[in-house]
C-alpha cells in the first residue's frame, strides 16, 4: 500500500511548485490541451466554470478562448499556492477570474454553483478522492459535467521498483514510501460512489525522458511532487538509485534506457475521465 497525501505537505509543495516552469509547466499545458480536446464536442455554453486545483494559466486561458466571457473560478489548494500564483504574476485575477483558497474535500462554494468543473492533474492529491468527487457533484448544477485528468497507479512504477530494491538490500523488505495512486477501474468506481452519473474513463501511458535522476527530481518538484513522490531517504542512497533505476527500466521494458550516460524514460499514466451530475 502506498502513502495517503498529507494535506499540509501537499499545500506547501504545490505552493513551492507554482512558477517553477519547465518541465512541469509544459506538462500541465499538454494535459490542458488533452482536456480541451475532450471538451471540443461538448454541446455546452457554460457561464460559470470551476478549475479545481489550479496552478497553471494554461487551462484557464484555453477555457476563455473556447468560451469568451465565461467566468472561470480557480481553486488553489492552500494559501501558499494562492500566494505564489499571485506573486508569480502568471495569473491575472482581474482578467481571468478570482483565485479561491480551498481543499478538494471541502469546496467553499454553494450547491449547484457551476455549469462545468475541470481539474488538471490535481485530483490524485486528494486524501479522500470519493469525498472530493462528491463535493464536485454537490457544486455542479443538475446535468452539468466534470472533466479531469489525474495520475494513475502506473505512474513512476520504475522509480517504485528501484526504491523497493534499495529497501530490500538495506532492510530486507520494501517499505511503503510512494503516494497511493488510483487504478483506472477505481476511478470509475469512485465517481459512481460519489453520485456522479455516466462516468467515462480511459488512460494514456506516456514515457517522458529525463537526462538524469536529478532532472527527474526537478521535473517532479516543478509539479509539486518532488518530496511527496520521492522516498524521504532518497539522499541517503543517491549513488545507488540511478543504477537500480536503470535496472528497473531494463526489467520492465526489456531495453536499457538508463545508465551509461543515457537518458531514462519514466512511465506516467494519465487517467482522463468525465461524468455528469444527475438530476437529483
C-alpha atoms as a PDB file:
ATOM      1  CA  UNK A   1       0.000   0.000   0.000  1.00  0.00           C
ATOM      2  CA  UNK A   2       1.182   3.485  -0.749  1.00  0.00           C
ATOM      3  CA  UNK A   3       1.015   6.568   1.397  1.00  0.00           C
ATOM      4  CA  UNK A   4      -2.002   8.837   1.593  1.00  0.00           C
ATOM      5  CA  UNK A   5      -1.296  12.516   0.834  1.00  0.00           C
ATOM      6  CA  UNK A   6      -0.683  14.729   3.849  1.00  0.00           C
ATOM      7  CA  UNK A   7      -2.770  17.870   3.144  1.00  0.00           C
ATOM      8  CA  UNK A   8      -0.257  20.177   4.841  1.00  0.00           C
ATOM      9  CA  UNK A   9       2.662  18.803   2.845  1.00  0.00           C
ATOM     10  CA  UNK A  10       0.634  18.949  -0.365  1.00  0.00           C
ATOM     11  CA  UNK A  11      -0.223  22.616   0.280  1.00  0.00           C
ATOM     12  CA  UNK A  12       3.422  23.510   0.873  1.00  0.00           C
ATOM     13  CA  UNK A  13       4.683  21.500  -2.096  1.00  0.00           C
ATOM     14  CA  UNK A  14       2.163  22.912  -4.557  1.00  0.00           C
ATOM     15  CA  UNK A  15       2.843  26.414  -3.255  1.00  0.00           C
ATOM     16  CA  UNK A  16       6.557  25.997  -3.922  1.00  0.00           C
ATOM     17  CA  UNK A  17       5.906  24.478  -7.341  1.00  0.00           C
ATOM     18  CA  UNK A  18       3.933  27.370  -8.826  1.00  0.00           C
ATOM     19  CA  UNK A  19       6.070  29.346 -11.225  1.00  0.00           C
ATOM     20  CA  UNK A  20       8.994  26.918 -11.317  1.00  0.00           C
ATOM     21  CA  UNK A  21       8.403  26.487 -15.021  1.00  0.00           C
ATOM     22  CA  UNK A  22       9.518  23.758 -17.389  1.00  0.00           C
ATOM     23  CA  UNK A  23       9.120  20.797 -17.448  1.00  0.00           C
ATOM     24  CA  UNK A  24       6.198  20.994 -15.049  1.00  0.00           C
ATOM     25  CA  UNK A  25       4.547  23.937 -16.811  1.00  0.00           C
ATOM     26  CA  UNK A  26       4.967  22.257 -20.207  1.00  0.00           C
ATOM     27  CA  UNK A  27       3.417  19.048 -18.902  1.00  0.00           C
ATOM     28  CA  UNK A  28       0.432  20.856 -17.379  1.00  0.00           C
ATOM     29  CA  UNK A  29      -0.058  22.732 -20.654  1.00  0.00           C
ATOM     30  CA  UNK A  30      -0.051  19.431 -22.565  1.00  0.00           C
ATOM     31  CA  UNK A  31      -2.632  17.995 -20.181  1.00  0.00           C
ATOM     32  CA  UNK A  32      -4.719  21.153 -20.575  1.00  0.00           C
ATOM     33  CA  UNK A  33      -4.732  20.577 -24.340  1.00  0.00           C
ATOM     34  CA  UNK A  34      -5.847  16.979 -23.728  1.00  0.00           C
ATOM     35  CA  UNK A  35      -8.739  18.211 -21.603  1.00  0.00           C
ATOM     36  CA  UNK A  36      -9.763  20.780 -24.198  1.00  0.00           C
ATOM     37  CA  UNK A  37      -9.750  18.120 -26.922  1.00  0.00           C
ATOM     38  CA  UNK A  38     -12.209  16.136 -24.816  1.00  0.00           C
ATOM     39  CA  UNK A  39     -14.342  19.219 -24.313  1.00  0.00           C
ATOM     40  CA  UNK A  40     -14.352  20.034 -28.040  1.00  0.00           C
ATOM     41  CA  UNK A  41     -17.567  18.159 -28.846  1.00  0.00           C
ATOM     42  CA  UNK A  42     -19.371  19.183 -25.676  1.00  0.00           C
ATOM     43  CA  UNK A  43     -22.628  20.954 -26.500  1.00  0.00           C
ATOM     44  CA  UNK A  44     -22.463  23.352 -23.619  1.00  0.00           C
ATOM     45  CA  UNK A  45     -22.216  27.097 -23.185  1.00  0.00           C
ATOM     46  CA  UNK A  46     -21.116  27.407 -19.557  1.00  0.00           C
ATOM     47  CA  UNK A  47     -21.466  30.700 -17.766  1.00  0.00           C
ATOM     48  CA  UNK A  48     -19.507  29.715 -14.651  1.00  0.00           C
ATOM     49  CA  UNK A  49     -16.651  27.192 -14.556  1.00  0.00           C
ATOM     50  CA  UNK A  50     -14.632  25.885 -11.613  1.00  0.00           C
ATOM     51  CA  UNK A  51     -10.996  24.960 -12.250  1.00  0.00           C
ATOM     52  CA  UNK A  52     -10.167  22.606  -9.398  1.00  0.00           C
ATOM     53  CA  UNK A  53      -6.586  22.607  -8.094  1.00  0.00           C
ATOM     54  CA  UNK A  54      -5.369  25.336 -10.458  1.00  0.00           C
ATOM     55  CA  UNK A  55      -1.630  26.031 -10.535  1.00  0.00           C
ATOM     56  CA  UNK A  56      -1.078  26.961 -14.184  1.00  0.00           C
ATOM     57  CA  UNK A  57      -2.644  29.524 -16.538  1.00  0.00           C
ATOM     58  CA  UNK A  58      -2.817  27.081 -19.454  1.00  0.00           C
ATOM     59  CA  UNK A  59      -6.250  25.592 -18.866  1.00  0.00           C
ATOM     60  CA  UNK A  60      -7.819  28.884 -17.763  1.00  0.00           C
ATOM     61  CA  UNK A  61      -6.686  30.587 -20.958  1.00  0.00           C
ATOM     62  CA  UNK A  62      -7.934  27.718 -23.125  1.00  0.00           C
ATOM     63  CA  UNK A  63     -11.351  27.787 -21.452  1.00  0.00           C
ATOM     64  CA  UNK A  64     -11.712  31.517 -22.037  1.00  0.00           C
ATOM     65  CA  UNK A  65     -10.640  31.122 -25.658  1.00  0.00           C
ATOM     66  CA  UNK A  66     -13.243  28.396 -26.195  1.00  0.00           C
ATOM     67  CA  UNK A  67     -15.999  30.282 -24.366  1.00  0.00           C
ATOM     68  CA  UNK A  68     -15.278  34.039 -24.433  1.00  0.00           C
ATOM     69  CA  UNK A  69     -16.802  35.803 -21.469  1.00  0.00           C
ATOM     70  CA  UNK A  70     -17.062  32.676 -19.318  1.00  0.00           C
ATOM     71  CA  UNK A  71     -16.385  33.240 -15.616  1.00  0.00           C
ATOM     72  CA  UNK A  72     -13.596  30.886 -14.500  1.00  0.00           C
ATOM     73  CA  UNK A  73     -13.161  30.478 -10.747  1.00  0.00           C
ATOM     74  CA  UNK A  74      -9.791  28.943  -9.907  1.00  0.00           C
ATOM     75  CA  UNK A  75      -9.419  26.981  -6.688  1.00  0.00           C
ATOM     76  CA  UNK A  76      -5.851  26.854  -5.351  1.00  0.00           C
ATOM     77  CA  UNK A  77      -5.114  24.204  -2.757  1.00  0.00           C
ATOM     78  CA  UNK A  78      -3.974  26.263   0.208  1.00  0.00           C
ATOM     79  CA  UNK A  79      -2.694  29.753   0.907  1.00  0.00           C
ATOM     80  CA  UNK A  80       0.899  29.023  -0.259  1.00  0.00           C
ATOM     81  CA  UNK A  81      -0.275  28.065  -3.753  1.00  0.00           C
ATOM     82  CA  UNK A  82      -2.663  31.023  -3.984  1.00  0.00           C
ATOM     83  CA  UNK A  83       0.006  33.492  -2.857  1.00  0.00           C
ATOM     84  CA  UNK A  84       2.533  32.001  -5.247  1.00  0.00           C
ATOM     85  CA  UNK A  85       0.081  32.288  -8.148  1.00  0.00           C
ATOM     86  CA  UNK A  86      -0.466  35.969  -7.480  1.00  0.00           C
ATOM     87  CA  UNK A  87       3.192  36.744  -6.727  1.00  0.00           C
ATOM     88  CA  UNK A  88       4.375  34.926  -9.823  1.00  0.00           C
ATOM     89  CA  UNK A  89       2.118  37.148 -11.892  1.00  0.00           C
ATOM     90  CA  UNK A  90       1.230  34.223 -14.129  1.00  0.00           C
ATOM     91  CA  UNK A  91      -2.480  34.509 -13.446  1.00  0.00           C
ATOM     92  CA  UNK A  92      -4.328  37.783 -13.613  1.00  0.00           C
ATOM     93  CA  UNK A  93      -7.327  37.791 -11.242  1.00  0.00           C
ATOM     94  CA  UNK A  94      -8.913  40.829 -12.853  1.00  0.00           C
ATOM     95  CA  UNK A  95      -8.912  39.295 -16.327  1.00  0.00           C
ATOM     96  CA  UNK A  96      -9.045  35.546 -15.837  1.00  0.00           C
ATOM     97  CA  UNK A  97     -11.181  35.279 -12.706  1.00  0.00           C
ATOM     98  CA  UNK A  98     -10.628  35.007  -8.962  1.00  0.00           C
ATOM     99  CA  UNK A  99      -8.290  32.664  -7.138  1.00  0.00           C
ATOM    100  CA  UNK A 100     -10.088  31.000  -4.228  1.00  0.00           C
ATOM    101  CA  UNK A 101      -8.326  29.045  -1.482  1.00  0.00           C
ATOM    102  CA  UNK A 102      -9.805  25.714  -0.500  1.00  0.00           C
ATOM    103  CA  UNK A 103      -9.265  21.998  -0.136  1.00  0.00           C
ATOM    104  CA  UNK A 104     -10.516  19.448  -2.635  1.00  0.00           C
ATOM    105  CA  UNK A 105     -12.553  17.647   0.011  1.00  0.00           C
ATOM    106  CA  UNK A 106     -14.405  20.721   1.261  1.00  0.00           C
ATOM    107  CA  UNK A 107     -15.147  23.155  -1.534  1.00  0.00           C
ATOM    108  CA  UNK A 108     -16.021  26.687  -0.376  1.00  0.00           C
ATOM    109  CA  UNK A 109     -18.962  27.064  -2.754  1.00  0.00           C
ATOM    110  CA  UNK A 110     -22.729  26.742  -2.514  1.00  0.00           C
ATOM    111  CA  UNK A 111     -24.504  23.788  -4.061  1.00  0.00           C
ATOM    112  CA  UNK A 112     -25.349  23.894  -7.764  1.00  0.00           C
ATOM    113  CA  UNK A 113     -22.997  26.811  -8.474  1.00  0.00           C
ATOM    114  CA  UNK A 114     -21.127  25.719 -11.632  1.00  0.00           C
ATOM    115  CA  UNK A 115     -22.030  24.707 -15.173  1.00  0.00           C
ATOM    116  CA  UNK A 116     -18.729  22.845 -15.578  1.00  0.00           C
ATOM    117  CA  UNK A 117     -15.917  21.658 -13.321  1.00  0.00           C
ATOM    118  CA  UNK A 118     -12.482  20.884 -14.767  1.00  0.00           C
ATOM    119  CA  UNK A 119      -9.413  19.587 -12.982  1.00  0.00           C
ATOM    120  CA  UNK A 120      -5.959  19.244 -14.496  1.00  0.00           C
ATOM    121  CA  UNK A 121      -3.707  16.686 -12.734  1.00  0.00           C
ATOM    122  CA  UNK A 122      -4.924  17.556  -9.241  1.00  0.00           C
ATOM    123  CA  UNK A 123      -7.467  15.008  -8.005  1.00  0.00           C
ATOM    124  CA  UNK A 124      -4.810  12.400  -7.204  1.00  0.00           C
ATOM    125  CA  UNK A 125      -3.647  14.689  -4.372  1.00  0.00           C
ATOM    126  CA  UNK A 126      -6.955  14.234  -2.554  1.00  0.00           C
ATOM    127  CA  UNK A 127      -6.658  12.187   0.628  1.00  0.00           C
ATOM    128  CA  UNK A 128     -10.254  11.004   0.163  1.00  0.00           C
ATOM    129  CA  UNK A 129     -10.957  11.058  -3.578  1.00  0.00           C
ATOM    130  CA  UNK A 130     -14.576   9.909  -3.200  1.00  0.00           C
ATOM    131  CA  UNK A 131     -15.244  12.822  -0.848  1.00  0.00           C
ATOM    132  CA  UNK A 132     -13.608  15.232  -3.306  1.00  0.00           C
ATOM    133  CA  UNK A 133     -15.731  13.869  -6.166  1.00  0.00           C
ATOM    134  CA  UNK A 134     -18.872  14.091  -4.028  1.00  0.00           C
ATOM    135  CA  UNK A 135     -18.046  17.741  -3.393  1.00  0.00           C
ATOM    136  CA  UNK A 136     -17.725  18.243  -7.146  1.00  0.00           C
ATOM    137  CA  UNK A 137     -21.156  16.658  -7.611  1.00  0.00           C
ATOM    138  CA  UNK A 138     -22.555  18.990  -4.954  1.00  0.00           C
ATOM    139  CA  UNK A 139     -21.327  22.211  -6.578  1.00  0.00           C
ATOM    140  CA  UNK A 140     -22.318  21.181 -10.110  1.00  0.00           C
ATOM    141  CA  UNK A 141     -25.679  22.217 -11.429  1.00  0.00           C
ATOM    142  CA  UNK A 142     -28.011  19.369 -12.499  1.00  0.00           C
ATOM    143  CA  UNK A 143     -26.823  17.693 -15.695  1.00  0.00           C
ATOM    144  CA  UNK A 144     -23.530  19.629 -15.611  1.00  0.00           C
ATOM    145  CA  UNK A 145     -20.259  17.736 -16.250  1.00  0.00           C
ATOM    146  CA  UNK A 146     -16.891  17.184 -14.630  1.00  0.00           C
ATOM    147  CA  UNK A 147     -13.858  16.708 -16.921  1.00  0.00           C
ATOM    148  CA  UNK A 148     -10.478  15.818 -15.423  1.00  0.00           C
ATOM    149  CA  UNK A 149      -7.038  14.311 -15.747  1.00  0.00           C
ATOM    150  CA  UNK A 150      -5.110  12.689 -12.902  1.00  0.00           C
ATOM    151  CA  UNK A 151      -2.079  10.468 -12.330  1.00  0.00           C
ATOM    152  CA  UNK A 152      -2.843   6.745 -12.356  1.00  0.00           C
ATOM    153  CA  UNK A 153      -1.274   3.857 -10.471  1.00  0.00           C
ATOM    154  CA  UNK A 154       1.363   3.009 -13.094  1.00  0.00           C
ATOM    155  CA  UNK A 155       2.968   6.457 -12.733  1.00  0.00           C
ATOM    156  CA  UNK A 156       6.641   6.273 -11.665  1.00  0.00           C
ATOM    157  CA  UNK A 157       6.480   2.483 -11.499  1.00  0.00           C
ATOM    158  CA  UNK A 158      10.162   2.218 -12.423  1.00  0.00           C
ATOM    159  CA  UNK A 159      11.106   4.504  -9.561  1.00  0.00           C
ATOM    160  CA  UNK A 160       8.983   2.471  -7.138  1.00  0.00           C
ATOM    161  CA  UNK A 161      10.751  -0.752  -8.193  1.00  0.00           C
ATOM    162  CA  UNK A 162      14.165   0.848  -7.823  1.00  0.00           C
ATOM    163  CA  UNK A 163      13.341   2.162  -4.356  1.00  0.00           C
ATOM    164  CA  UNK A 164      11.966  -1.252  -3.366  1.00  0.00           C
ATOM    165  CA  UNK A 165      15.271  -2.833  -4.475  1.00  0.00           C
ATOM    166  CA  UNK A 166      17.199  -0.430  -2.249  1.00  0.00           C
ATOM    167  CA  UNK A 167      14.875  -1.196   0.653  1.00  0.00           C
ATOM    168  CA  UNK A 168      15.286  -4.944   0.211  1.00  0.00           C
ATOM    169  CA  UNK A 169      19.049  -4.580   0.158  1.00  0.00           C
ATOM    170  CA  UNK A 170      19.123  -2.380   3.251  1.00  0.00           C
ATOM    171  CA  UNK A 171      16.143  -3.527   5.296  1.00  0.00           C
ATOM    172  CA  UNK A 172      15.249  -6.949   3.912  1.00  0.00           C
ATOM    173  CA  UNK A 173      11.837  -5.792   2.705  1.00  0.00           C
ATOM    174  CA  UNK A 174      10.283  -2.983   0.682  1.00  0.00           C
ATOM    175  CA  UNK A 175       8.933  -0.093   2.732  1.00  0.00           C
ATOM    176  CA  UNK A 176       5.786   1.875   1.952  1.00  0.00           C
ATOM    177  CA  UNK A 177       7.020   5.227   0.618  1.00  0.00           C
ATOM    178  CA  UNK A 178       5.263   6.212  -2.570  1.00  0.00           C
ATOM    179  CA  UNK A 179       1.997   8.076  -2.992  1.00  0.00           C
ATOM    180  CA  UNK A 180      -1.073   5.870  -3.389  1.00  0.00           C
ATOM    181  CA  UNK A 181      -2.445   6.440  -6.898  1.00  0.00           C
ATOM    182  CA  UNK A 182      -5.750   5.032  -8.209  1.00  0.00           C
ATOM    183  CA  UNK A 183      -6.275   2.402 -10.881  1.00  0.00           C
ATOM    184  CA  UNK A 184      -8.427   3.052 -13.937  1.00  0.00           C
ATOM    185  CA  UNK A 185     -11.272   0.900 -12.598  1.00  0.00           C
ATOM    186  CA  UNK A 186     -11.047   2.533  -9.162  1.00  0.00           C
ATOM    187  CA  UNK A 187     -11.538   5.987 -10.672  1.00  0.00           C
ATOM    188  CA  UNK A 188     -14.751   4.877 -12.356  1.00  0.00           C
ATOM    189  CA  UNK A 189     -15.996   3.224  -9.164  1.00  0.00           C
ATOM    190  CA  UNK A 190     -15.237   6.343  -7.130  1.00  0.00           C
ATOM    191  CA  UNK A 191     -17.224   8.547  -9.495  1.00  0.00           C
ATOM    192  CA  UNK A 192     -20.256   6.279  -9.138  1.00  0.00           C
ATOM    193  CA  UNK A 193     -19.839   6.155  -5.349  1.00  0.00           C
ATOM    194  CA  UNK A 194     -19.701   9.973  -5.292  1.00  0.00           C
ATOM    195  CA  UNK A 195     -23.067  10.210  -7.023  1.00  0.00           C
ATOM    196  CA  UNK A 196     -21.839  11.160 -10.489  1.00  0.00           C
ATOM    197  CA  UNK A 197     -23.626   9.669 -13.485  1.00  0.00           C
ATOM    198  CA  UNK A 198     -22.491   8.188 -16.795  1.00  0.00           C
ATOM    199  CA  UNK A 199     -18.781   8.001 -15.921  1.00  0.00           C
ATOM    200  CA  UNK A 200     -16.250   7.524 -18.713  1.00  0.00           C
ATOM    201  CA  UNK A 201     -12.555   6.871 -18.010  1.00  0.00           C
ATOM    202  CA  UNK A 202      -9.581   5.910 -20.126  1.00  0.00           C
ATOM    203  CA  UNK A 203      -5.846   6.286 -19.908  1.00  0.00           C
ATOM    204  CA  UNK A 204      -2.730   7.223 -21.815  1.00  0.00           C
ATOM    205  CA  UNK A 205       0.705   5.864 -20.970  1.00  0.00           C
ATOM    206  CA  UNK A 206       3.405   8.468 -21.517  1.00  0.00           C
ATOM    207  CA  UNK A 207       7.167   7.880 -21.371  1.00  0.00           C
ATOM    208  CA  UNK A 208       8.917  11.218 -20.837  1.00  0.00           C
ATOM    209  CA  UNK A 209      12.704  11.044 -20.979  1.00  0.00           C
ATOM    210  CA  UNK A 210      14.974  12.593 -18.370  1.00  0.00           C
ATOM    211  CA  UNK A 211      18.698  13.097 -18.774  1.00  0.00           C
ATOM    212  CA  UNK A 212      19.443  12.118 -15.179  1.00  0.00           C
ATOM    213  CA  UNK A 213      17.917  11.337 -11.821  1.00  0.00           C
ATOM    214  CA  UNK A 214      18.478  14.979 -10.868  1.00  0.00           C
ATOM    215  CA  UNK A 215      16.444  16.194 -13.851  1.00  0.00           C
ATOM    216  CA  UNK A 216      13.677  13.766 -12.918  1.00  0.00           C
ATOM    217  CA  UNK A 217      13.587  15.212  -9.415  1.00  0.00           C
ATOM    218  CA  UNK A 218      13.463  18.754 -10.803  1.00  0.00           C
ATOM    219  CA  UNK A 219      10.568  17.781 -13.018  1.00  0.00           C
ATOM    220  CA  UNK A 220       8.644  16.264 -10.130  1.00  0.00           C
ATOM    221  CA  UNK A 221       9.383  19.269  -7.945  1.00  0.00           C
ATOM    222  CA  UNK A 222       8.012  21.616 -10.599  1.00  0.00           C
ATOM    223  CA  UNK A 223       4.740  19.658 -10.407  1.00  0.00           C
ATOM    224  CA  UNK A 224       4.660  19.714  -6.617  1.00  0.00           C
ATOM    225  CA  UNK A 225       5.712  16.106  -6.145  1.00  0.00           C
ATOM    226  CA  UNK A 226       9.447  16.281  -5.519  1.00  0.00           C
ATOM    227  CA  UNK A 227       9.324  15.345  -1.843  1.00  0.00           C
ATOM    228  CA  UNK A 228       5.910  13.711  -1.914  1.00  0.00           C
ATOM    229  CA  UNK A 229       6.682  11.107  -4.583  1.00  0.00           C
ATOM    230  CA  UNK A 230      10.376  10.533  -3.924  1.00  0.00           C
ATOM    231  CA  UNK A 231      11.240   8.430  -0.888  1.00  0.00           C
ATOM    232  CA  UNK A 232      12.202  10.582   2.103  1.00  0.00           C
ATOM    233  CA  UNK A 233      15.543   8.788   2.445  1.00  0.00           C
ATOM    234  CA  UNK A 234      16.485   9.119  -1.228  1.00  0.00           C
ATOM    235  CA  UNK A 235      19.508  11.369  -0.485  1.00  0.00           C
ATOM    236  CA  UNK A 236      20.992   8.520   1.574  1.00  0.00           C
ATOM    237  CA  UNK A 237      21.366   6.300  -1.470  1.00  0.00           C
ATOM    238  CA  UNK A 238      21.770   8.834  -4.251  1.00  0.00           C
ATOM    239  CA  UNK A 239      24.679   6.865  -5.721  1.00  0.00           C
ATOM    240  CA  UNK A 240      22.768   3.580  -5.787  1.00  0.00           C
ATOM    241  CA  UNK A 241      19.432   4.764  -7.136  1.00  0.00           C
ATOM    242  CA  UNK A 242      20.433   5.652 -10.744  1.00  0.00           C
ATOM    243  CA  UNK A 243      21.853   2.169 -11.365  1.00  0.00           C
ATOM    244  CA  UNK A 244      18.879   0.494  -9.717  1.00  0.00           C
ATOM    245  CA  UNK A 245      16.503   2.678 -11.680  1.00  0.00           C
ATOM    246  CA  UNK A 246      18.215   1.683 -14.917  1.00  0.00           C
ATOM    247  CA  UNK A 247      17.897  -1.986 -13.900  1.00  0.00           C
ATOM    248  CA  UNK A 248      14.207  -1.491 -13.124  1.00  0.00           C
ATOM    249  CA  UNK A 249      13.719   0.068 -16.558  1.00  0.00           C
ATOM    250  CA  UNK A 250      15.509  -2.863 -18.200  1.00  0.00           C
ATOM    251  CA  UNK A 251      13.362  -5.341 -16.305  1.00  0.00           C
ATOM    252  CA  UNK A 252      10.110  -3.569 -17.024  1.00  0.00           C
ATOM    253  CA  UNK A 253      10.663  -2.753 -20.700  1.00  0.00           C
ATOM    254  CA  UNK A 254      13.257  -5.219 -21.926  1.00  0.00           C
ATOM    255  CA  UNK A 255      15.520  -2.438 -23.174  1.00  0.00           C
ATOM    256  CA  UNK A 256      18.117  -0.319 -21.477  1.00  0.00           C
ATOM    257  CA  UNK A 257      17.254   3.357 -21.239  1.00  0.00           C
ATOM    258  CA  UNK A 258      19.236   4.353 -18.208  1.00  0.00           C
ATOM    259  CA  UNK A 259      22.855   4.401 -17.104  1.00  0.00           C
ATOM    260  CA  UNK A 260      25.999   4.795 -19.178  1.00  0.00           C
ATOM    261  CA  UNK A 261      25.278   8.472 -19.678  1.00  0.00           C
ATOM    262  CA  UNK A 262      21.966   7.842 -21.460  1.00  0.00           C
ATOM    263  CA  UNK A 263      18.599   9.264 -20.577  1.00  0.00           C
ATOM    264  CA  UNK A 264      15.935   7.457 -18.600  1.00  0.00           C
ATOM    265  CA  UNK A 265      12.295   7.075 -19.547  1.00  0.00           C
ATOM    266  CA  UNK A 266       9.723   7.002 -16.774  1.00  0.00           C
ATOM    267  CA  UNK A 267       6.110   5.902 -17.083  1.00  0.00           C
ATOM    268  CA  UNK A 268       3.384   8.448 -16.470  1.00  0.00           C
ATOM    269  CA  UNK A 269      -0.151   7.063 -16.556  1.00  0.00           C
ATOM    270  CA  UNK A 270      -2.635   9.828 -17.300  1.00  0.00           C
ATOM    271  CA  UNK A 271      -6.198   8.879 -16.420  1.00  0.00           C
ATOM    272  CA  UNK A 272      -8.712  11.091 -18.189  1.00  0.00           C
ATOM    273  CA  UNK A 273     -12.398  10.984 -17.489  1.00  0.00           C
ATOM    274  CA  UNK A 274     -15.681  12.742 -17.254  1.00  0.00           C
ATOM    275  CA  UNK A 275     -19.060  12.297 -15.609  1.00  0.00           C
ATOM    276  CA  UNK A 276     -22.249  14.248 -15.065  1.00  0.00           C
ATOM    277  CA  UNK A 277     -24.252  15.337 -12.108  1.00  0.00           C
ATOM    278  CA  UNK A 278     -27.639  13.650 -12.314  1.00  0.00           C
ATOM    279  CA  UNK A 279     -30.928  15.479 -11.937  1.00  0.00           C
ATOM    280  CA  UNK A 280     -31.107  14.535  -8.276  1.00  0.00           C
END
